[in-house]
Amino acid sequence: MASTRQMPGIAIGEDRRRRCWWCGDDPLYRRYHDDEWGRPVAADRRLFEKLSLEGFQSGLSWITILRKRESFRAAFAGFDHEAVARFTRRDVTRLMNDASIVRNRAKIEATIGNARRCDDLISEFGSIAGYAWRFEPRAATRPPKLDQPTLMRLSTTAESIAMSKDLRRRGWSFVGPTTVYAFMQAMGLVNDHLVGCGVRTEVERQRRAFKRPSGG
């Protein structure tokens, strides 16, 4: 795989498709980049899953979590927040003994605690999606041209800081501003595919057609 000199951060795979550099050569990571990352999501289960997995990623690489995602889904009841909210100390012990996931007690307990707070968001905003999409950045606040140096500086935004602060006020854990911005990038609240990436235009088209959930 070679990078184009004219477009730093754009890589061309053997399939000749242009991609953001960060997905590298790993087929699983490429599929995630091509088919998931940045495409708008309104399904509560997927939103809760992503927030949870971003919390588990803290201090690790996303590809590490991605490779374990199916194991996480099996261990956490498919990230059905109602089921996870009913987890007990026995479940914490079970998860701590599960070598197929990241065995971090603080992150496991945070995921369970966050699940127990989902119903409050749903009661107030109609859905987790209705809550999350309230924090979609306005187009005027986005970079006019998203190249690699610009993206590297976008670890947080005013909106991710605001959402992180609000979630923590509501008792959520492992939802810092960087974690929340990674969630926004993945779930399509922003389109952070670089200019020149073969997926960027398609993602932007999906974002334009996407019906934003109401926030209650």
C-alpha atoms as a PDB file:
ATOM      1  CA  MET A   1       0.000   0.000   0.000  1.00  0.00           C
ATOM      2  CA  ALA A   2       1.389   3.409  -0.932  1.00  0.00           C
ATOM      3  CA  SER A   3       0.380   6.895   0.119  1.00  0.00           C
ATOM      4  CA  THR A   4      -0.229   9.659  -2.409  1.00  0.00           C
ATOM      5  CA  ARG A   5       2.174  12.569  -2.130  1.00  0.00           C
ATOM      6  CA  GLN A   6      -0.502  15.028  -3.181  1.00  0.00           C
ATOM      7  CA  MET A   7      -2.857  13.960  -0.391  1.00  0.00           C
ATOM      8  CA  PRO A   8      -1.111  13.253   2.911  1.00  0.00           C
ATOM      9  CA  GLY A   9      -3.051  10.746   4.960  1.00  0.00           C
ATOM     10  CA  ILE A  10      -4.635   9.043   1.939  1.00  0.00           C
ATOM     11  CA  ALA A  11      -3.498   5.499   1.203  1.00  0.00           C
ATOM     12  CA  ILE A  12      -4.191   3.404  -1.862  1.00  0.00           C
ATOM     13  CA  GLY A  13      -4.754  -0.300  -1.289  1.00  0.00           C
ATOM     14  CA  GLU A  14      -4.145  -3.119  -3.697  1.00  0.00           C
ATOM     15  CA  ASP A  15      -7.817  -2.802  -4.641  1.00  0.00           C
ATOM     16  CA  ARG A  16      -6.925   0.756  -5.791  1.00  0.00           C
ATOM     17  CA  ARG A  17      -9.395   2.272  -3.362  1.00  0.00           C
ATOM     18  CA  ARG A  18      -8.361   5.453  -1.576  1.00  0.00           C
ATOM     19  CA  ARG A  19      -8.739   5.345   2.182  1.00  0.00           C
ATOM     20  CA  CYS A  20      -7.813   7.280   5.287  1.00  0.00           C
ATOM     21  CA  TRP A  21      -4.379   6.118   6.398  1.00  0.00           C
ATOM     22  CA  TRP A  22      -5.403   4.909   9.846  1.00  0.00           C
ATOM     23  CA  CYS A  23      -7.069   1.664   8.768  1.00  0.00           C
ATOM     24  CA  GLY A  24      -3.809   0.337   7.344  1.00  0.00           C
ATOM     25  CA  ASP A  25      -3.716  -3.075   5.645  1.00  0.00           C
ATOM     26  CA  ASP A  26      -5.826  -5.066   8.112  1.00  0.00           C
ATOM     27  CA  PRO A  27      -8.920  -6.415   6.252  1.00  0.00           C
ATOM     28  CA  LEU A  28     -11.113  -6.118   9.359  1.00  0.00           C
ATOM     29  CA  TYR A  29     -10.037  -2.518   9.913  1.00  0.00           C
ATOM     30  CA  ARG A  30     -10.573  -1.680   6.248  1.00  0.00           C
ATOM     31  CA  ARG A  31     -14.117  -3.063   6.304  1.00  0.00           C
ATOM     32  CA  TYR A  32     -14.802  -1.005   9.412  1.00  0.00           C
ATOM     33  CA  HIS A  33     -13.477   2.104   7.664  1.00  0.00           C
ATOM     34  CA  ASP A  34     -15.364   1.426   4.439  1.00  0.00           C
ATOM     35  CA  ASP A  35     -18.700   0.164   5.750  1.00  0.00           C
ATOM     36  CA  GLU A  36     -19.208   1.598   9.248  1.00  0.00           C
ATOM     37  CA  TRP A  37     -17.064   4.524  10.357  1.00  0.00           C
ATOM     38  CA  GLY A  38     -18.817   7.846   9.866  1.00  0.00           C
ATOM     39  CA  ARG A  39     -22.126   6.467   8.595  1.00  0.00           C
ATOM     40  CA  PRO A  40     -25.004   7.966  10.610  1.00  0.00           C
ATOM     41  CA  VAL A  41     -26.581   5.707  13.220  1.00  0.00           C
ATOM     42  CA  ALA A  42     -29.894   6.083  15.053  1.00  0.00           C
ATOM     43  CA  ALA A  43     -30.180   2.605  16.620  1.00  0.00           C
ATOM     44  CA  ASP A  44     -29.941   2.853  20.398  1.00  0.00           C
ATOM     45  CA  ARG A  45     -28.256  -0.510  20.805  1.00  0.00           C
ATOM     46  CA  ARG A  46     -25.475   0.397  18.413  1.00  0.00           C
ATOM     47  CA  LEU A  47     -25.006   3.780  20.050  1.00  0.00           C
ATOM     48  CA  PHE A  48     -24.768   2.246  23.515  1.00  0.00           C
ATOM     49  CA  GLU A  49     -22.392  -0.409  22.206  1.00  0.00           C
ATOM     50  CA  LYS A  50     -20.110   2.164  20.659  1.00  0.00           C
ATOM     51  CA  LEU A  51     -20.002   4.361  23.752  1.00  0.00           C
ATOM     52  CA  SER A  52     -19.212   1.284  25.811  1.00  0.00           C
ATOM     53  CA  LEU A  53     -16.494   0.015  23.489  1.00  0.00           C
ATOM     54  CA  GLU A  54     -14.931   3.453  23.242  1.00  0.00           C
ATOM     55  CA  GLY A  55     -14.702   3.375  27.018  1.00  0.00           C
ATOM     56  CA  PHE A  56     -12.967  -0.001  26.858  1.00  0.00           C
ATOM     57  CA  GLN A  57     -10.587   1.383  24.242  1.00  0.00           C
ATOM     58  CA  SER A  58      -9.207   3.964  26.672  1.00  0.00           C
ATOM     59  CA  GLY A  59      -5.451   3.350  26.785  1.00  0.00           C
ATOM     60  CA  LEU A  60      -5.648   0.789  23.965  1.00  0.00           C
ATOM     61  CA  SER A  61      -5.925   0.838  20.168  1.00  0.00           C
ATOM     62  CA  TRP A  62      -9.286   0.608  18.416  1.00  0.00           C
ATOM     63  CA  ILE A  63      -8.159  -2.384  16.331  1.00  0.00           C
ATOM     64  CA  THR A  64      -7.626  -4.287  19.589  1.00  0.00           C
ATOM     65  CA  ILE A  65     -11.246  -3.638  20.550  1.00  0.00           C
ATOM     66  CA  LEU A  66     -12.519  -4.279  17.038  1.00  0.00           C
ATOM     67  CA  ARG A  67     -10.942  -7.730  17.007  1.00  0.00           C
ATOM     68  CA  LYS A  68     -12.714  -8.501  20.279  1.00  0.00           C
ATOM     69  CA  ARG A  69     -16.045  -6.901  19.349  1.00  0.00           C
ATOM     70  CA  GLU A  70     -17.956 -10.136  18.789  1.00  0.00           C
ATOM     71  CA  SER A  71     -16.706 -11.440  22.130  1.00  0.00           C
ATOM     72  CA  PHE A  72     -17.800  -8.207  23.791  1.00  0.00           C
ATOM     73  CA  ARG A  73     -21.234  -8.573  22.218  1.00  0.00           C
ATOM     74  CA  ALA A  74     -21.569 -12.110  23.524  1.00  0.00           C
ATOM     75  CA  ALA A  75     -20.342 -11.130  26.983  1.00  0.00           C
ATOM     76  CA  PHE A  76     -22.580  -8.032  27.264  1.00  0.00           C
ATOM     77  CA  ALA A  77     -25.888  -9.451  25.999  1.00  0.00           C
ATOM     78  CA  GLY A  78     -25.513  -7.820  22.601  1.00  0.00           C
ATOM     79  CA  PHE A  79     -25.299  -4.465  24.377  1.00  0.00           C
ATOM     80  CA  ASP A  80     -28.994  -4.499  25.147  1.00  0.00           C
ATOM     81  CA  HIS A  81     -28.852  -1.806  27.792  1.00  0.00           C
ATOM     82  CA  GLU A  82     -31.815  -3.234  29.708  1.00  0.00           C
ATOM     83  CA  ALA A  83     -30.125  -6.623  29.976  1.00  0.00           C
ATOM     84  CA  VAL A  84     -26.765  -5.118  30.927  1.00  0.00           C
ATOM     85  CA  ALA A  85     -28.464  -2.971  33.570  1.00  0.00           C
ATOM     86  CA  ARG A  86     -29.539  -6.188  35.320  1.00  0.00           C
ATOM     87  CA  PHE A  87     -25.985  -7.530  35.584  1.00  0.00           C
ATOM     88  CA  THR A  88     -24.920  -8.443  39.104  1.00  0.00           C
ATOM     89  CA  ARG A  89     -21.667  -8.999  40.955  1.00  0.00           C
ATOM     90  CA  ARG A  90     -21.714 -12.535  39.605  1.00  0.00           C
ATOM     91  CA  ASP A  91     -21.680 -11.091  36.087  1.00  0.00           C
ATOM     92  CA  VAL A  92     -18.764  -8.853  36.972  1.00  0.00           C
ATOM     93  CA  THR A  93     -16.862 -11.927  38.152  1.00  0.00           C
ATOM     94  CA  ARG A  94     -17.823 -13.770  34.959  1.00  0.00           C
ATOM     95  CA  LEU A  95     -16.584 -10.901  32.827  1.00  0.00           C
ATOM     96  CA  MET A  96     -13.349 -10.586  34.787  1.00  0.00           C
ATOM     97  CA  ASN A  97     -12.711 -14.258  34.000  1.00  0.00           C
ATOM     98  CA  ASP A  98     -13.479 -13.868  30.280  1.00  0.00           C
ATOM     99  CA  ALA A  99     -10.142 -13.770  28.455  1.00  0.00           C
ATOM    100  CA  SER A 100     -11.834 -12.905  25.161  1.00  0.00           C
ATOM    101  CA  ILE A 101     -12.598  -9.320  26.271  1.00  0.00           C
ATOM    102  CA  VAL A 102     -10.661  -6.566  28.026  1.00  0.00           C
ATOM    103  CA  ARG A 103     -10.709  -7.564  31.680  1.00  0.00           C
ATOM    104  CA  ASN A 104     -10.705  -4.218  33.412  1.00  0.00           C
ATOM    105  CA  ARG A 105     -12.978  -4.060  36.447  1.00  0.00           C
ATOM    106  CA  ALA A 106     -13.440  -0.288  36.349  1.00  0.00           C
ATOM    107  CA  LYS A 107     -14.481  -0.371  32.699  1.00  0.00           C
ATOM    108  CA  ILE A 108     -16.781  -3.362  33.205  1.00  0.00           C
ATOM    109  CA  GLU A 109     -18.503  -1.740  36.166  1.00  0.00           C
ATOM    110  CA  ALA A 110     -18.747   1.561  34.273  1.00  0.00           C
ATOM    111  CA  THR A 111     -20.498  -0.170  31.362  1.00  0.00           C
ATOM    112  CA  ILE A 112     -23.032  -1.717  33.721  1.00  0.00           C
ATOM    113  CA  GLY A 113     -23.540   1.565  35.536  1.00  0.00           C
ATOM    114  CA  ASN A 114     -23.972   3.449  32.272  1.00  0.00           C
ATOM    115  CA  ALA A 115     -26.555   0.901  31.113  1.00  0.00           C
ATOM    116  CA  ARG A 116     -28.565   1.602  34.255  1.00  0.00           C
ATOM    117  CA  ARG A 117     -28.655   5.287  33.313  1.00  0.00           C
ATOM    118  CA  CYS A 118     -29.852   4.780  29.739  1.00  0.00           C
ATOM    119  CA  ASP A 119     -33.515   4.728  30.702  1.00  0.00           C
ATOM    120  CA  ASP A 120     -33.186   8.234  32.131  1.00  0.00           C
ATOM    121  CA  LEU A 121     -31.983   9.480  28.739  1.00  0.00           C
ATOM    122  CA  ILE A 122     -34.766   7.614  26.965  1.00  0.00           C
ATOM    123  CA  SER A 123     -37.392   9.018  29.313  1.00  0.00           C
ATOM    124  CA  GLU A 124     -36.173  12.564  28.779  1.00  0.00           C
ATOM    125  CA  PHE A 125     -35.220  12.514  25.089  1.00  0.00           C
ATOM    126  CA  GLY A 126     -37.215   9.632  23.634  1.00  0.00           C
ATOM    127  CA  SER A 127     -34.170   7.539  22.807  1.00  0.00           C
ATOM    128  CA  ILE A 128     -30.423   7.404  23.266  1.00  0.00           C
ATOM    129  CA  ALA A 129     -30.232   8.621  19.680  1.00  0.00           C
ATOM    130  CA  GLY A 130     -32.468  11.572  20.470  1.00  0.00           C
ATOM    131  CA  TYR A 131     -30.016  12.546  23.182  1.00  0.00           C
ATOM    132  CA  ALA A 132     -26.785  11.958  21.265  1.00  0.00           C
ATOM    133  CA  TRP A 133     -27.780  13.737  18.067  1.00  0.00           C
ATOM    134  CA  ARG A 134     -28.512  16.928  20.010  1.00  0.00           C
ATOM    135  CA  PHE A 135     -24.736  17.327  20.089  1.00  0.00           C
ATOM    136  CA  GLU A 136     -24.168  17.110  16.331  1.00  0.00           C
ATOM    137  CA  PRO A 137     -21.840  20.002  15.453  1.00  0.00           C
ATOM    138  CA  ARG A 138     -23.181  22.753  13.214  1.00  0.00           C
ATOM    139  CA  ALA A 139     -21.710  22.718   9.722  1.00  0.00           C
ATOM    140  CA  ALA A 140     -20.296  26.210  10.259  1.00  0.00           C
ATOM    141  CA  THR A 141     -18.055  24.926  13.067  1.00  0.00           C
ATOM    142  CA  ARG A 142     -16.461  22.183  10.966  1.00  0.00           C
ATOM    143  CA  PRO A 143     -13.089  22.545   9.211  1.00  0.00           C
ATOM    144  CA  PRO A 144     -13.514  23.846   5.647  1.00  0.00           C
ATOM    145  CA  LYS A 145     -11.065  21.208   4.393  1.00  0.00           C
ATOM    146  CA  LEU A 146     -10.366  18.066   6.363  1.00  0.00           C
ATOM    147  CA  ASP A 147      -6.813  16.941   5.728  1.00  0.00           C
ATOM    148  CA  GLN A 148      -4.599  14.757   7.898  1.00  0.00           C
ATOM    149  CA  PRO A 149      -2.974  17.549   9.981  1.00  0.00           C
ATOM    150  CA  THR A 150      -6.422  19.011  10.703  1.00  0.00           C
ATOM    151  CA  LEU A 151      -7.859  15.646  11.718  1.00  0.00           C
ATOM    152  CA  MET A 152      -4.898  14.956  13.992  1.00  0.00           C
ATOM    153  CA  ARG A 153      -5.796  18.113  15.921  1.00  0.00           C
ATOM    154  CA  LEU A 154      -9.457  17.080  16.317  1.00  0.00           C
ATOM    155  CA  SER A 155      -9.239  14.874  19.385  1.00  0.00           C
ATOM    156  CA  THR A 156     -11.999  16.888  21.057  1.00  0.00           C
ATOM    157  CA  THR A 157     -14.475  19.582  20.031  1.00  0.00           C
ATOM    158  CA  ALA A 158     -16.737  21.960  21.906  1.00  0.00           C
ATOM    159  CA  GLU A 159     -19.607  19.529  21.303  1.00  0.00           C
ATOM    160  CA  SER A 160     -17.752  16.467  22.578  1.00  0.00           C
ATOM    161  CA  ILE A 161     -16.697  18.424  25.660  1.00  0.00           C
ATOM    162  CA  ALA A 162     -20.308  19.474  26.248  1.00  0.00           C
ATOM    163  CA  MET A 163     -21.666  15.946  25.794  1.00  0.00           C
ATOM    164  CA  SER A 164     -18.964  14.477  28.033  1.00  0.00           C
ATOM    165  CA  LYS A 165     -19.687  17.028  30.741  1.00  0.00           C
ATOM    166  CA  ASP A 166     -23.417  16.377  30.534  1.00  0.00           C
ATOM    167  CA  LEU A 167     -23.049  12.584  30.644  1.00  0.00           C
ATOM    168  CA  ARG A 168     -20.754  12.772  33.645  1.00  0.00           C
ATOM    169  CA  ARG A 169     -23.228  15.069  35.360  1.00  0.00           C
ATOM    170  CA  ARG A 170     -25.773  12.311  34.810  1.00  0.00           C
ATOM    171  CA  GLY A 171     -23.492   9.752  36.451  1.00  0.00           C
ATOM    172  CA  TRP A 172     -21.876   8.150  33.397  1.00  0.00           C
ATOM    173  CA  SER A 173     -18.253   6.962  33.517  1.00  0.00           C
ATOM    174  CA  PHE A 174     -15.478   6.547  30.952  1.00  0.00           C
ATOM    175  CA  VAL A 175     -17.043   9.200  28.741  1.00  0.00           C
ATOM    176  CA  GLY A 176     -14.298  11.806  28.535  1.00  0.00           C
ATOM    177  CA  PRO A 177     -14.264  14.357  25.693  1.00  0.00           C
ATOM    178  CA  THR A 178     -11.842  12.320  23.549  1.00  0.00           C
ATOM    179  CA  THR A 179     -13.898   9.170  24.008  1.00  0.00           C
ATOM    180  CA  VAL A 180     -17.067  11.049  23.116  1.00  0.00           C
ATOM    181  CA  TYR A 181     -15.520  12.591  20.015  1.00  0.00           C
ATOM    182  CA  ALA A 182     -14.382   9.160  18.803  1.00  0.00           C
ATOM    183  CA  PHE A 183     -17.991   8.045  19.312  1.00  0.00           C
ATOM    184  CA  MET A 184     -19.241  11.020  17.268  1.00  0.00           C
ATOM    185  CA  GLN A 185     -16.817  10.216  14.465  1.00  0.00           C
ATOM    186  CA  ALA A 186     -17.832   6.569  14.314  1.00  0.00           C
ATOM    187  CA  MET A 187     -21.588   7.106  14.558  1.00  0.00           C
ATOM    188  CA  GLY A 188     -21.764   9.748  11.854  1.00  0.00           C
ATOM    189  CA  LEU A 189     -22.386  12.876  13.893  1.00  0.00           C
ATOM    190  CA  VAL A 190     -19.422  14.194  11.920  1.00  0.00           C
ATOM    191  CA  ASN A 191     -17.809  13.067   8.668  1.00  0.00           C
ATOM    192  CA  ASP A 192     -14.111  12.822   9.431  1.00  0.00           C
ATOM    193  CA  HIS A 193     -13.082  10.855   6.360  1.00  0.00           C
ATOM    194  CA  LEU A 194     -10.336  12.912   4.784  1.00  0.00           C
ATOM    195  CA  VAL A 195     -10.739  14.860   1.585  1.00  0.00           C
ATOM    196  CA  GLY A 196      -9.572  12.409  -1.061  1.00  0.00           C
ATOM    197  CA  CYS A 197     -10.846   9.327   0.780  1.00  0.00           C
ATOM    198  CA  GLY A 198     -13.066   7.250  -1.501  1.00  0.00           C
ATOM    199  CA  VAL A 199     -15.676   6.862   1.246  1.00  0.00           C
ATOM    200  CA  ARG A 200     -16.068  10.520   2.192  1.00  0.00           C
ATOM    201  CA  THR A 201     -18.577  11.511  -0.500  1.00  0.00           C
ATOM    202  CA  GLU A 202     -20.756   8.472   0.108  1.00  0.00           C
ATOM    203  CA  VAL A 203     -20.801   9.120   3.847  1.00  0.00           C
ATOM    204  CA  GLU A 204     -21.712  12.763   3.291  1.00  0.00           C
ATOM    205  CA  ARG A 205     -24.545  11.712   1.010  1.00  0.00           C
ATOM    206  CA  GLN A 206     -25.865   9.398   3.721  1.00  0.00           C
ATOM    207  CA  ARG A 207     -25.594  12.157   6.294  1.00  0.00           C
ATOM    208  CA  ARG A 208     -27.618  14.525   4.108  1.00  0.00           C
ATOM    209  CA  ALA A 209     -30.346  11.907   3.656  1.00  0.00           C
ATOM    210  CA  PHE A 210     -30.338  10.843   7.310  1.00  0.00           C
ATOM    211  CA  LYS A 211     -33.402  11.727   9.349  1.00  0.00           C
ATOM    212  CA  ARG A 212     -32.157  13.106  12.638  1.00  0.00           C
ATOM    213  CA  PRO A 213     -34.006  11.672  15.648  1.00  0.00           C
ATOM    214  CA  SER A 214     -35.968  14.145  17.690  1.00  0.00           C
ATOM    215  CA  GLY A 215     -34.600  14.937  21.106  1.00  0.00           C
ATOM    216  CA  GLY A 216     -37.811  14.799  23.092  1.00  0.00           C
END
